[in-house]
């Protein structure tokens, strides 16, 4: 097996940091829900994404739905980043990590512009976006990172090949 370059160790740390930041954003949203439901009700009422549901189910039901949805997404993202931190360190999942990083960075950028989780969540999402962009740069830019994944992939193929 190939030796892991320092850049991959940093990518792992950044993925763990992204998981922690997403969990902090989850906590910020839950605290806002527990202390100021009217802010979430205002967001749900004014959001075009929830207009039909508010009309059909009412604001309270839509607030519950939005809260459960946001919490579930944050929790799933936290778990995915935790798993990726382990997988990337073993020389696997670079493409999946890239897709997850790009998609969640876009989501973080969007969430950072909305007042749904309050100022704390907005700041955390900006930090998370910066961390994810740094992880992407380290995942693809340094030559040592590219070689690590190519060599790790080759090593796995050699192990999987039947002995003759």
N, C-alpha and C. Protein backbone atom coordinates (compact mmCIF):
# COMPACT_ATOMS: atom_id res chain seq x y z
N UNK A 1 0.85 -1.18 0.00
CA UNK A 1 0.00 0.00 0.00
C UNK A 1 0.89 1.24 0.00
N UNK A 2 0.41 2.28 -0.63
CA UNK A 2 1.19 3.51 -0.74
C UNK A 2 1.06 4.34 0.53
N UNK A 3 2.05 5.16 0.76
CA UNK A 3 2.03 6.04 1.94
C UNK A 3 1.13 7.24 1.65
N UNK A 4 0.36 7.61 2.63
CA UNK A 4 -0.56 8.73 2.48
C UNK A 4 0.21 10.04 2.54
N UNK A 5 0.08 10.90 1.53
CA UNK A 5 0.78 12.19 1.55
C UNK A 5 0.13 13.15 2.56
N UNK A 6 0.87 14.15 3.00
CA UNK A 6 0.32 15.10 3.97
C UNK A 6 -0.95 15.81 3.47
N UNK A 7 -1.05 16.01 2.16
CA UNK A 7 -2.24 16.69 1.64
C UNK A 7 -3.50 15.88 1.92
N UNK A 8 -3.39 14.56 1.84
CA UNK A 8 -4.56 13.72 2.09
C UNK A 8 -4.91 13.74 3.58
N UNK A 9 -3.91 13.82 4.42
CA UNK A 9 -4.18 13.96 5.86
C UNK A 9 -4.94 15.26 6.12
N UNK A 10 -4.56 16.31 5.42
CA UNK A 10 -5.27 17.58 5.56
C UNK A 10 -6.68 17.50 5.00
N UNK A 11 -6.86 16.79 3.90
CA UNK A 11 -8.21 16.61 3.34
C UNK A 11 -9.08 15.90 4.38
N UNK A 12 -8.54 14.86 5.00
CA UNK A 12 -9.30 14.15 6.04
C UNK A 12 -9.70 15.09 7.17
N UNK A 13 -8.75 15.90 7.62
CA UNK A 13 -9.06 16.86 8.69
C UNK A 13 -10.14 17.84 8.25
N UNK A 14 -10.04 18.30 7.02
CA UNK A 14 -11.04 19.25 6.51
C UNK A 14 -12.42 18.60 6.38
N UNK A 15 -12.46 17.33 5.99
CA UNK A 15 -13.74 16.63 5.92
C UNK A 15 -14.35 16.46 7.31
N UNK A 16 -13.52 16.17 8.29
CA UNK A 16 -14.01 16.09 9.67
C UNK A 16 -14.50 17.46 10.13
N UNK A 17 -13.75 18.51 9.79
CA UNK A 17 -14.17 19.87 10.14
C UNK A 17 -15.51 20.21 9.48
N UNK A 18 -15.68 19.79 8.23
CA UNK A 18 -16.95 20.03 7.54
C UNK A 18 -18.10 19.31 8.24
N UNK A 19 -17.84 18.09 8.69
CA UNK A 19 -18.87 17.34 9.42
C UNK A 19 -19.22 18.05 10.72
N UNK A 20 -18.21 18.52 11.43
CA UNK A 20 -18.45 19.23 12.69
C UNK A 20 -19.22 20.53 12.43
N UNK A 21 -18.82 21.27 11.41
CA UNK A 21 -19.52 22.52 11.10
C UNK A 21 -20.98 22.27 10.72
N UNK A 22 -21.23 21.22 9.97
CA UNK A 22 -22.61 20.92 9.61
C UNK A 22 -23.41 20.53 10.85
N UNK A 23 -22.78 19.83 11.76
CA UNK A 23 -23.47 19.47 13.01
C UNK A 23 -23.74 20.73 13.85
N UNK A 24 -22.80 21.67 13.86
CA UNK A 24 -23.01 22.94 14.57
C UNK A 24 -24.18 23.71 13.93
N UNK A 25 -24.25 23.69 12.60
CA UNK A 25 -25.37 24.34 11.92
C UNK A 25 -26.69 23.68 12.30
N UNK A 26 -26.68 22.36 12.44
CA UNK A 26 -27.87 21.64 12.90
C UNK A 26 -28.27 22.10 14.30
N UNK A 27 -27.32 22.19 15.19
CA UNK A 27 -27.59 22.64 16.56
C UNK A 27 -28.13 24.07 16.54
N UNK A 28 -27.54 24.94 15.72
CA UNK A 28 -28.01 26.33 15.63
C UNK A 28 -29.46 26.38 15.17
N UNK A 29 -29.80 25.54 14.20
CA UNK A 29 -31.17 25.52 13.69
C UNK A 29 -32.13 25.01 14.77
N UNK A 30 -31.75 23.95 15.47
CA UNK A 30 -32.60 23.40 16.54
C UNK A 30 -32.79 24.41 17.66
N UNK A 31 -31.73 25.12 18.02
CA UNK A 31 -31.84 26.15 19.06
C UNK A 31 -32.78 27.25 18.61
N UNK A 32 -32.66 27.67 17.35
CA UNK A 32 -33.57 28.69 16.83
C UNK A 32 -35.01 28.19 16.86
N UNK A 33 -35.21 26.94 16.48
CA UNK A 33 -36.56 26.37 16.51
C UNK A 33 -37.11 26.35 17.93
N UNK A 34 -36.28 26.00 18.88
CA UNK A 34 -36.73 25.91 20.27
C UNK A 34 -36.98 27.28 20.89
N UNK A 35 -36.24 28.30 20.45
CA UNK A 35 -36.35 29.60 21.09
C UNK A 35 -37.17 30.63 20.31
N UNK A 36 -37.24 30.47 18.98
CA UNK A 36 -37.92 31.49 18.17
C UNK A 36 -38.59 30.85 16.96
N UNK A 37 -39.66 30.12 17.22
CA UNK A 37 -40.36 29.46 16.11
C UNK A 37 -40.96 30.45 15.13
N UNK A 38 -41.22 31.65 15.59
CA UNK A 38 -41.82 32.65 14.69
C UNK A 38 -40.86 32.98 13.54
N UNK A 39 -39.55 32.94 13.79
CA UNK A 39 -38.59 33.20 12.72
C UNK A 39 -38.69 32.12 11.64
N UNK A 40 -38.83 30.87 12.05
CA UNK A 40 -38.98 29.78 11.08
C UNK A 40 -40.34 29.87 10.40
N UNK A 41 -41.37 30.23 11.15
CA UNK A 41 -42.70 30.39 10.56
C UNK A 41 -42.69 31.51 9.52
N UNK A 42 -41.97 32.59 9.79
CA UNK A 42 -41.86 33.68 8.81
C UNK A 42 -41.14 33.21 7.56
N UNK A 43 -40.06 32.43 7.76
CA UNK A 43 -39.31 31.92 6.62
C UNK A 43 -40.18 30.99 5.78
N UNK A 44 -40.89 30.08 6.43
CA UNK A 44 -41.74 29.13 5.72
C UNK A 44 -42.86 29.87 4.99
N UNK A 45 -43.45 30.86 5.64
CA UNK A 45 -44.56 31.60 5.05
C UNK A 45 -44.14 32.41 3.83
N UNK A 46 -42.91 32.91 3.85
CA UNK A 46 -42.46 33.75 2.75
C UNK A 46 -41.71 32.99 1.66
N UNK A 47 -41.42 31.72 1.89
CA UNK A 47 -40.66 30.93 0.92
C UNK A 47 -41.55 30.38 -0.18
N UNK A 48 -41.21 30.66 -1.44
CA UNK A 48 -41.99 30.09 -2.54
C UNK A 48 -41.96 28.56 -2.56
N UNK A 49 -40.90 27.97 -2.01
CA UNK A 49 -40.78 26.52 -2.00
C UNK A 49 -41.86 25.87 -1.14
N UNK A 50 -42.34 26.57 -0.14
CA UNK A 50 -43.34 26.02 0.78
C UNK A 50 -44.74 26.59 0.57
N UNK A 51 -44.94 27.43 -0.45
CA UNK A 51 -46.22 28.12 -0.64
C UNK A 51 -47.39 27.14 -0.77
N UNK A 52 -47.25 26.12 -1.58
CA UNK A 52 -48.33 25.15 -1.77
C UNK A 52 -48.62 24.37 -0.50
N UNK A 53 -47.58 23.99 0.21
CA UNK A 53 -47.77 23.23 1.44
C UNK A 53 -48.41 24.09 2.52
N UNK A 54 -48.02 25.35 2.61
CA UNK A 54 -48.64 26.25 3.59
C UNK A 54 -50.12 26.40 3.29
N UNK A 55 -50.45 26.54 2.01
CA UNK A 55 -51.84 26.68 1.60
C UNK A 55 -52.65 25.44 1.95
N UNK A 56 -52.07 24.25 1.74
CA UNK A 56 -52.80 23.01 1.98
C UNK A 56 -52.78 22.55 3.44
N UNK A 57 -51.63 22.65 4.10
CA UNK A 57 -51.47 22.08 5.44
C UNK A 57 -51.44 23.10 6.57
N UNK A 58 -51.23 24.35 6.22
CA UNK A 58 -51.12 25.38 7.25
C UNK A 58 -49.68 25.63 7.64
N UNK A 59 -49.45 26.72 8.32
CA UNK A 59 -48.09 27.13 8.67
C UNK A 59 -47.47 26.19 9.70
N UNK A 60 -48.22 25.81 10.72
CA UNK A 60 -47.64 24.96 11.78
C UNK A 60 -47.16 23.62 11.24
N UNK A 61 -47.96 22.97 10.43
CA UNK A 61 -47.56 21.68 9.86
C UNK A 61 -46.36 21.85 8.93
N UNK A 62 -46.33 22.94 8.18
CA UNK A 62 -45.21 23.18 7.28
C UNK A 62 -43.93 23.49 8.05
N UNK A 63 -44.05 24.20 9.17
CA UNK A 63 -42.89 24.47 10.01
C UNK A 63 -42.32 23.15 10.55
N UNK A 64 -43.19 22.26 10.99
CA UNK A 64 -42.72 20.95 11.48
C UNK A 64 -42.03 20.18 10.35
N UNK A 65 -42.64 20.16 9.17
CA UNK A 65 -42.05 19.48 8.02
C UNK A 65 -40.69 20.07 7.67
N UNK A 66 -40.61 21.39 7.59
CA UNK A 66 -39.35 22.06 7.23
C UNK A 66 -38.28 21.78 8.28
N UNK A 67 -38.67 21.79 9.55
CA UNK A 67 -37.71 21.55 10.63
C UNK A 67 -37.16 20.14 10.56
N UNK A 68 -38.02 19.17 10.39
CA UNK A 68 -37.57 17.77 10.29
C UNK A 68 -36.69 17.60 9.05
N UNK A 69 -37.08 18.21 7.94
CA UNK A 69 -36.30 18.09 6.70
C UNK A 69 -34.92 18.69 6.85
N UNK A 70 -34.85 19.90 7.39
CA UNK A 70 -33.55 20.57 7.56
C UNK A 70 -32.66 19.77 8.51
N UNK A 71 -33.23 19.29 9.60
CA UNK A 71 -32.46 18.50 10.57
C UNK A 71 -31.96 17.19 9.94
N UNK A 72 -32.81 16.54 9.18
CA UNK A 72 -32.42 15.28 8.53
C UNK A 72 -31.27 15.51 7.54
N UNK A 73 -31.39 16.57 6.75
CA UNK A 73 -30.33 16.87 5.77
C UNK A 73 -29.01 17.14 6.47
N UNK A 74 -29.03 17.96 7.52
CA UNK A 74 -27.80 18.25 8.26
C UNK A 74 -27.20 16.99 8.86
N UNK A 75 -28.03 16.15 9.41
CA UNK A 75 -27.53 14.92 10.03
C UNK A 75 -26.94 13.97 8.99
N UNK A 76 -27.60 13.83 7.86
CA UNK A 76 -27.10 12.97 6.78
C UNK A 76 -25.75 13.50 6.26
N UNK A 77 -25.67 14.81 6.06
CA UNK A 77 -24.43 15.40 5.56
C UNK A 77 -23.30 15.19 6.57
N UNK A 78 -23.61 15.34 7.85
CA UNK A 78 -22.61 15.10 8.89
C UNK A 78 -22.08 13.67 8.82
N UNK A 79 -22.98 12.71 8.68
CA UNK A 79 -22.57 11.30 8.61
C UNK A 79 -21.80 11.00 7.33
N UNK A 80 -22.21 11.57 6.21
CA UNK A 80 -21.52 11.34 4.94
C UNK A 80 -20.09 11.88 5.01
N UNK A 81 -19.92 13.07 5.56
CA UNK A 81 -18.57 13.63 5.66
C UNK A 81 -17.70 12.83 6.61
N UNK A 82 -18.28 12.32 7.67
CA UNK A 82 -17.51 11.47 8.59
C UNK A 82 -17.03 10.21 7.88
N UNK A 83 -17.92 9.59 7.11
CA UNK A 83 -17.56 8.39 6.35
C UNK A 83 -16.51 8.70 5.29
N UNK A 84 -16.68 9.83 4.58
CA UNK A 84 -15.72 10.19 3.54
C UNK A 84 -14.33 10.44 4.10
N UNK A 85 -14.26 11.01 5.30
CA UNK A 85 -12.95 11.27 5.91
C UNK A 85 -12.17 9.97 6.08
N UNK A 86 -12.85 8.91 6.42
CA UNK A 86 -12.19 7.61 6.57
C UNK A 86 -11.86 7.02 5.19
N UNK A 87 -12.81 7.06 4.27
CA UNK A 87 -12.63 6.45 2.96
C UNK A 87 -11.53 7.14 2.15
N UNK A 88 -11.50 8.45 2.18
CA UNK A 88 -10.50 9.18 1.41
C UNK A 88 -9.09 8.88 1.94
N UNK A 89 -8.97 8.72 3.22
CA UNK A 89 -7.67 8.40 3.80
C UNK A 89 -7.13 7.05 3.38
N UNK A 90 -8.02 6.19 2.93
CA UNK A 90 -7.59 4.86 2.47
C UNK A 90 -7.36 4.82 0.96
N UNK A 91 -7.45 5.99 0.32
CA UNK A 91 -7.19 6.05 -1.12
C UNK A 91 -8.41 5.71 -1.96
N UNK A 92 -9.59 5.87 -1.39
CA UNK A 92 -10.82 5.57 -2.13
C UNK A 92 -11.77 6.76 -2.08
N UNK A 93 -12.75 6.71 -2.94
CA UNK A 93 -13.89 7.63 -2.92
C UNK A 93 -13.54 9.07 -3.29
N UNK A 94 -12.53 9.30 -4.07
CA UNK A 94 -12.18 10.68 -4.44
C UNK A 94 -13.28 11.31 -5.28
N UNK A 95 -13.84 10.56 -6.21
CA UNK A 95 -14.91 11.11 -7.06
C UNK A 95 -16.15 11.39 -6.22
N UNK A 96 -16.54 10.45 -5.37
CA UNK A 96 -17.70 10.67 -4.50
C UNK A 96 -17.47 11.87 -3.58
N UNK A 97 -16.29 11.96 -3.03
CA UNK A 97 -15.97 13.09 -2.16
C UNK A 97 -16.09 14.40 -2.93
N UNK A 98 -15.63 14.40 -4.17
CA UNK A 98 -15.72 15.60 -5.00
C UNK A 98 -17.17 15.99 -5.24
N UNK A 99 -17.99 15.02 -5.61
CA UNK A 99 -19.41 15.31 -5.87
C UNK A 99 -20.09 15.83 -4.61
N UNK A 100 -19.86 15.16 -3.48
CA UNK A 100 -20.47 15.59 -2.23
C UNK A 100 -19.99 16.98 -1.84
N UNK A 101 -18.70 17.24 -2.00
CA UNK A 101 -18.16 18.55 -1.67
C UNK A 101 -18.75 19.65 -2.54
N UNK A 102 -18.86 19.41 -3.83
CA UNK A 102 -19.41 20.42 -4.73
C UNK A 102 -20.88 20.69 -4.41
N UNK A 103 -21.66 19.63 -4.28
CA UNK A 103 -23.10 19.80 -4.01
C UNK A 103 -23.33 20.49 -2.67
N UNK A 104 -22.64 20.05 -1.64
CA UNK A 104 -22.88 20.65 -0.32
C UNK A 104 -22.31 22.07 -0.22
N UNK A 105 -21.27 22.37 -0.98
CA UNK A 105 -20.76 23.74 -1.01
C UNK A 105 -21.79 24.67 -1.64
N UNK A 106 -22.44 24.21 -2.69
CA UNK A 106 -23.51 25.01 -3.31
C UNK A 106 -24.67 25.21 -2.32
N UNK A 107 -25.03 24.16 -1.62
CA UNK A 107 -26.11 24.26 -0.63
C UNK A 107 -25.70 25.23 0.48
N UNK A 108 -24.46 25.11 0.95
CA UNK A 108 -23.97 26.02 2.00
C UNK A 108 -24.03 27.47 1.54
N UNK A 109 -23.64 27.70 0.29
CA UNK A 109 -23.69 29.06 -0.25
C UNK A 109 -25.12 29.59 -0.27
N UNK A 110 -26.06 28.73 -0.64
CA UNK A 110 -27.46 29.15 -0.65
C UNK A 110 -27.96 29.41 0.77
N UNK A 111 -27.68 28.49 1.69
CA UNK A 111 -28.15 28.63 3.07
C UNK A 111 -27.53 29.87 3.72
N UNK A 112 -26.29 30.18 3.36
CA UNK A 112 -25.63 31.35 3.93
C UNK A 112 -26.32 32.66 3.54
N UNK A 113 -27.12 32.62 2.47
CA UNK A 113 -27.82 33.83 2.03
C UNK A 113 -29.26 33.90 2.55
N UNK A 114 -29.70 32.87 3.24
CA UNK A 114 -31.07 32.87 3.75
C UNK A 114 -31.07 32.97 5.27
N UNK A 115 -32.09 33.58 5.83
CA UNK A 115 -32.13 33.75 7.28
C UNK A 115 -32.76 32.59 8.04
N UNK A 116 -32.86 31.43 7.41
CA UNK A 116 -33.60 30.33 8.01
C UNK A 116 -33.09 29.91 9.38
N UNK A 117 -31.81 29.79 9.55
CA UNK A 117 -31.27 29.32 10.82
C UNK A 117 -30.65 30.41 11.66
N UNK A 118 -30.86 31.64 11.27
CA UNK A 118 -30.30 32.75 12.02
C UNK A 118 -28.87 33.04 11.60
N UNK A 119 -28.32 34.06 12.20
CA UNK A 119 -26.98 34.54 11.86
C UNK A 119 -25.92 33.48 12.15
N UNK A 120 -26.07 32.76 13.26
CA UNK A 120 -25.07 31.74 13.61
C UNK A 120 -24.98 30.70 12.50
N UNK A 121 -26.13 30.22 12.03
CA UNK A 121 -26.10 29.21 10.98
C UNK A 121 -25.52 29.79 9.69
N UNK A 122 -25.82 31.04 9.38
CA UNK A 122 -25.27 31.66 8.18
C UNK A 122 -23.74 31.72 8.24
N UNK A 123 -23.20 32.14 9.37
CA UNK A 123 -21.75 32.23 9.52
C UNK A 123 -21.12 30.83 9.44
N UNK A 124 -21.74 29.85 10.09
CA UNK A 124 -21.22 28.49 10.06
C UNK A 124 -21.24 27.94 8.63
N UNK A 125 -22.27 28.26 7.86
CA UNK A 125 -22.34 27.78 6.49
C UNK A 125 -21.27 28.42 5.61
N UNK A 126 -20.95 29.69 5.85
CA UNK A 126 -19.87 30.34 5.10
C UNK A 126 -18.54 29.65 5.44
N UNK A 127 -18.30 29.41 6.72
CA UNK A 127 -17.08 28.70 7.13
C UNK A 127 -17.02 27.31 6.52
N UNK A 128 -18.15 26.61 6.52
CA UNK A 128 -18.19 25.27 5.95
C UNK A 128 -17.88 25.31 4.45
N UNK A 129 -18.39 26.30 3.75
CA UNK A 129 -18.11 26.42 2.32
C UNK A 129 -16.61 26.64 2.09
N UNK A 130 -15.99 27.47 2.89
CA UNK A 130 -14.55 27.72 2.76
C UNK A 130 -13.76 26.44 3.03
N UNK A 131 -14.13 25.71 4.07
CA UNK A 131 -13.45 24.44 4.40
C UNK A 131 -13.60 23.45 3.25
N UNK A 132 -14.78 23.36 2.68
CA UNK A 132 -15.03 22.41 1.60
C UNK A 132 -14.27 22.78 0.32
N UNK A 133 -14.18 24.06 0.04
CA UNK A 133 -13.40 24.49 -1.12
C UNK A 133 -11.93 24.16 -0.92
N UNK A 134 -11.42 24.36 0.29
CA UNK A 134 -10.03 24.00 0.59
C UNK A 134 -9.81 22.50 0.44
N UNK A 135 -10.77 21.69 0.90
CA UNK A 135 -10.65 20.23 0.75
C UNK A 135 -10.64 19.84 -0.72
N UNK A 136 -11.47 20.47 -1.52
CA UNK A 136 -11.48 20.19 -2.96
C UNK A 136 -10.13 20.52 -3.59
N UNK A 137 -9.59 21.67 -3.23
CA UNK A 137 -8.31 22.08 -3.80
C UNK A 137 -7.21 21.08 -3.43
N UNK A 138 -7.19 20.64 -2.18
CA UNK A 138 -6.16 19.68 -1.77
C UNK A 138 -6.40 18.29 -2.34
N UNK A 139 -7.65 17.98 -2.60
CA UNK A 139 -7.99 16.66 -3.14
C UNK A 139 -7.51 16.50 -4.58
N UNK A 140 -7.52 17.60 -5.35
CA UNK A 140 -7.20 17.51 -6.76
C UNK A 140 -5.94 18.24 -7.19
N UNK A 141 -5.58 19.31 -6.52
CA UNK A 141 -4.49 20.15 -7.01
C UNK A 141 -3.09 19.55 -6.83
N UNK A 142 -2.70 19.18 -5.63
CA UNK A 142 -1.31 18.71 -5.47
C UNK A 142 -1.05 17.40 -6.22
N UNK A 143 0.10 17.34 -6.81
CA UNK A 143 0.48 16.14 -7.55
C UNK A 143 0.50 14.92 -6.63
N UNK A 144 0.93 15.10 -5.39
CA UNK A 144 1.01 13.98 -4.46
C UNK A 144 -0.37 13.37 -4.21
N UNK A 145 -1.42 14.20 -4.19
CA UNK A 145 -2.77 13.69 -3.99
C UNK A 145 -3.20 12.84 -5.18
N UNK A 146 -2.99 13.35 -6.37
CA UNK A 146 -3.38 12.60 -7.58
C UNK A 146 -2.65 11.27 -7.65
N UNK A 147 -1.36 11.30 -7.38
CA UNK A 147 -0.56 10.06 -7.43
C UNK A 147 -1.02 9.07 -6.36
N UNK A 148 -1.38 9.57 -5.18
CA UNK A 148 -1.85 8.69 -4.11
C UNK A 148 -3.09 7.91 -4.55
N UNK A 149 -4.04 8.58 -5.18
CA UNK A 149 -5.27 7.89 -5.59
C UNK A 149 -5.01 6.95 -6.76
N UNK A 150 -4.14 7.34 -7.69
CA UNK A 150 -3.82 6.46 -8.81
C UNK A 150 -3.12 5.21 -8.30
N UNK A 151 -2.14 5.37 -7.42
CA UNK A 151 -1.40 4.23 -6.89
C UNK A 151 -2.30 3.35 -6.03
N UNK A 152 -3.14 3.97 -5.19
CA UNK A 152 -4.05 3.19 -4.35
C UNK A 152 -5.03 2.40 -5.21
N UNK A 153 -5.48 2.98 -6.30
CA UNK A 153 -6.38 2.28 -7.22
C UNK A 153 -5.67 1.11 -7.87
N UNK A 154 -4.43 1.32 -8.29
CA UNK A 154 -3.64 0.26 -8.90
C UNK A 154 -3.38 -0.86 -7.91
N UNK A 155 -3.08 -0.50 -6.64
CA UNK A 155 -2.85 -1.51 -5.60
C UNK A 155 -4.08 -2.37 -5.39
N UNK A 156 -5.25 -1.77 -5.40
CA UNK A 156 -6.50 -2.53 -5.20
C UNK A 156 -6.75 -3.48 -6.37
N UNK A 157 -6.45 -3.02 -7.59
CA UNK A 157 -6.62 -3.90 -8.75
C UNK A 157 -5.67 -5.09 -8.66
N UNK A 158 -4.44 -4.86 -8.22
CA UNK A 158 -3.46 -5.94 -8.09
C UNK A 158 -3.91 -6.94 -7.04
N UNK A 159 -4.50 -6.47 -5.95
CA UNK A 159 -4.97 -7.37 -4.90
C UNK A 159 -6.18 -8.16 -5.35
N UNK A 160 -7.01 -7.54 -6.20
CA UNK A 160 -8.22 -8.20 -6.65
C UNK A 160 -7.99 -9.20 -7.77
N UNK A 161 -6.86 -9.09 -8.43
CA UNK A 161 -6.58 -9.98 -9.55
C UNK A 161 -6.34 -11.40 -9.03
N UNK A 162 -6.94 -12.39 -9.69
CA UNK A 162 -6.74 -13.77 -9.25
C UNK A 162 -5.31 -14.24 -9.52
N UNK A 163 -4.79 -15.04 -8.64
CA UNK A 163 -3.43 -15.57 -8.80
C UNK A 163 -3.43 -16.64 -9.87
N UNK A 164 -2.39 -16.64 -10.67
CA UNK A 164 -2.31 -17.63 -11.75
C UNK A 164 -1.19 -18.59 -11.53
